[in-house]
Amino acid sequence: MPYVIAEPCINVKDRSCVDVCPVDCIYEGPDMLYIHPDECIDCGACEPECPVTAIFPEEDVPPQWKDYIAKNRDVFQSETPPGKPQRKGA
């Protein structure tokens, strides 16, 4: 999984990252956004757009948020995976 969305996104879901993602790999859950590990192309376009610094390359996720690596992967295996968020202006 190239990029991971971590705790700072909870209850924020700004969607600026969604607007710049060239492959639409960012999905919306009830409390935060998630990056689909099989769809992300590791382009990095989303990282600088996040206003709360919640997006990290997997290898750079801060220690206190390492569990978000599995959370971003496992949420897509759940019975209720996140859906595609609406883009701004859509």
Protein backbone atom coordinates (compact mmCIF):
# COMPACT_ATOMS: atom_id res chain seq x y z
CA MET A 1 0.00 0.00 0.00
CA PRO A 2 1.82 3.09 -1.17
CA TYR A 3 -0.11 5.81 0.71
CA VAL A 4 -2.11 5.65 3.95
CA ILE A 5 -4.63 8.02 5.52
CA ALA A 6 -4.21 8.24 9.30
CA GLU A 7 -5.96 9.58 12.40
CA PRO A 8 -5.94 13.32 11.58
CA CYS A 9 -8.61 12.65 8.91
CA ILE A 10 -11.15 11.36 11.43
CA ASN A 11 -14.25 13.55 11.33
CA VAL A 12 -12.56 15.95 8.87
CA LYS A 13 -12.85 14.29 5.43
CA ASP A 14 -11.79 17.45 3.59
CA ARG A 15 -11.76 15.74 0.13
CA SER A 16 -9.02 17.95 -1.33
CA CYS A 17 -7.08 14.73 -1.81
CA VAL A 18 -9.98 13.20 -3.74
CA ASP A 19 -9.99 16.07 -6.23
CA VAL A 20 -6.33 15.52 -7.21
CA CYS A 21 -6.22 11.72 -7.24
CA PRO A 22 -5.71 10.65 -10.87
CA VAL A 23 -6.99 7.11 -10.29
CA ASP A 24 -9.89 7.73 -7.87
CA CYS A 25 -8.49 5.39 -5.22
CA ILE A 26 -9.72 7.40 -2.22
CA TYR A 27 -12.97 6.25 -0.64
CA GLU A 28 -15.23 7.67 2.05
CA GLY A 29 -16.10 5.77 5.21
CA PRO A 30 -18.39 6.95 7.98
CA ASP A 31 -15.62 8.70 9.94
CA MET A 32 -12.70 9.20 7.54
CA LEU A 33 -11.35 8.73 4.02
CA TYR A 34 -9.38 5.63 2.98
CA ILE A 35 -6.90 4.87 0.21
CA HIS A 36 -7.50 1.57 -1.59
CA PRO A 37 -4.17 -0.27 -1.47
CA ASP A 38 -4.70 -2.11 -4.76
CA GLU A 39 -5.69 1.02 -6.69
CA CYS A 40 -3.16 3.58 -5.44
CA ILE A 41 -0.39 4.16 -8.00
CA ASP A 42 1.99 5.81 -5.51
CA CYS A 43 1.92 9.14 -7.35
CA GLY A 44 1.87 11.26 -4.19
CA ALA A 45 -0.57 13.86 -5.54
CA CYS A 46 -2.83 13.54 -2.51
CA GLU A 47 -0.24 14.05 0.23
CA PRO A 48 0.45 17.80 -0.18
CA GLU A 49 -3.28 18.54 -0.63
CA CYS A 50 -4.30 17.24 2.81
CA PRO A 51 -4.97 20.22 5.10
CA VAL A 52 -4.56 18.14 8.28
CA THR A 53 -1.42 16.17 7.28
CA ALA A 54 -3.17 12.80 7.44
CA ILE A 55 -1.65 11.19 4.33
CA PHE A 56 1.72 9.42 4.42
CA PRO A 57 3.69 6.97 2.30
CA GLU A 58 3.32 3.65 4.08
CA GLU A 59 6.96 3.59 5.16
CA ASP A 60 6.65 7.10 6.67
CA VAL A 61 3.50 6.64 8.77
CA PRO A 62 4.32 8.00 12.25
CA PRO A 63 4.70 5.28 14.91
CA GLN A 64 1.56 6.30 16.79
CA TRP A 65 -0.54 5.74 13.65
CA LYS A 66 1.04 2.52 12.28
CA ASP A 67 -2.26 0.68 12.88
CA TYR A 68 -3.80 2.80 10.11
CA ILE A 69 -1.76 0.84 7.57
CA ALA A 70 -3.85 -2.26 8.34
CA LYS A 71 -7.02 -0.18 8.78
CA ASN A 72 -6.71 1.25 5.23
CA ARG A 73 -6.26 -2.28 3.88
CA ASP A 74 -8.78 -4.15 6.01
CA VAL A 75 -11.68 -1.72 5.55
CA PHE A 76 -11.96 -2.86 1.92
CA GLN A 77 -12.34 -6.48 3.06
CA SER A 78 -15.22 -5.66 5.44
CA GLU A 79 -18.89 -6.33 4.78
CA THR A 80 -19.46 -2.59 4.40
CA PRO A 81 -16.48 -1.17 2.48
CA PRO A 82 -16.27 2.60 2.01
CA GLY A 83 -17.78 4.18 -1.10
CA LYS A 84 -16.60 6.73 -3.61
CA PRO A 85 -16.84 10.28 -2.22
CA GLN A 86 -18.36 13.11 -4.21
CA ARG A 87 -15.79 15.37 -5.82
CA LYS A 88 -16.05 19.09 -5.11
CA GLY A 89 -18.35 20.76 -7.61
CA ALA A 90 -19.86 17.43 -8.70
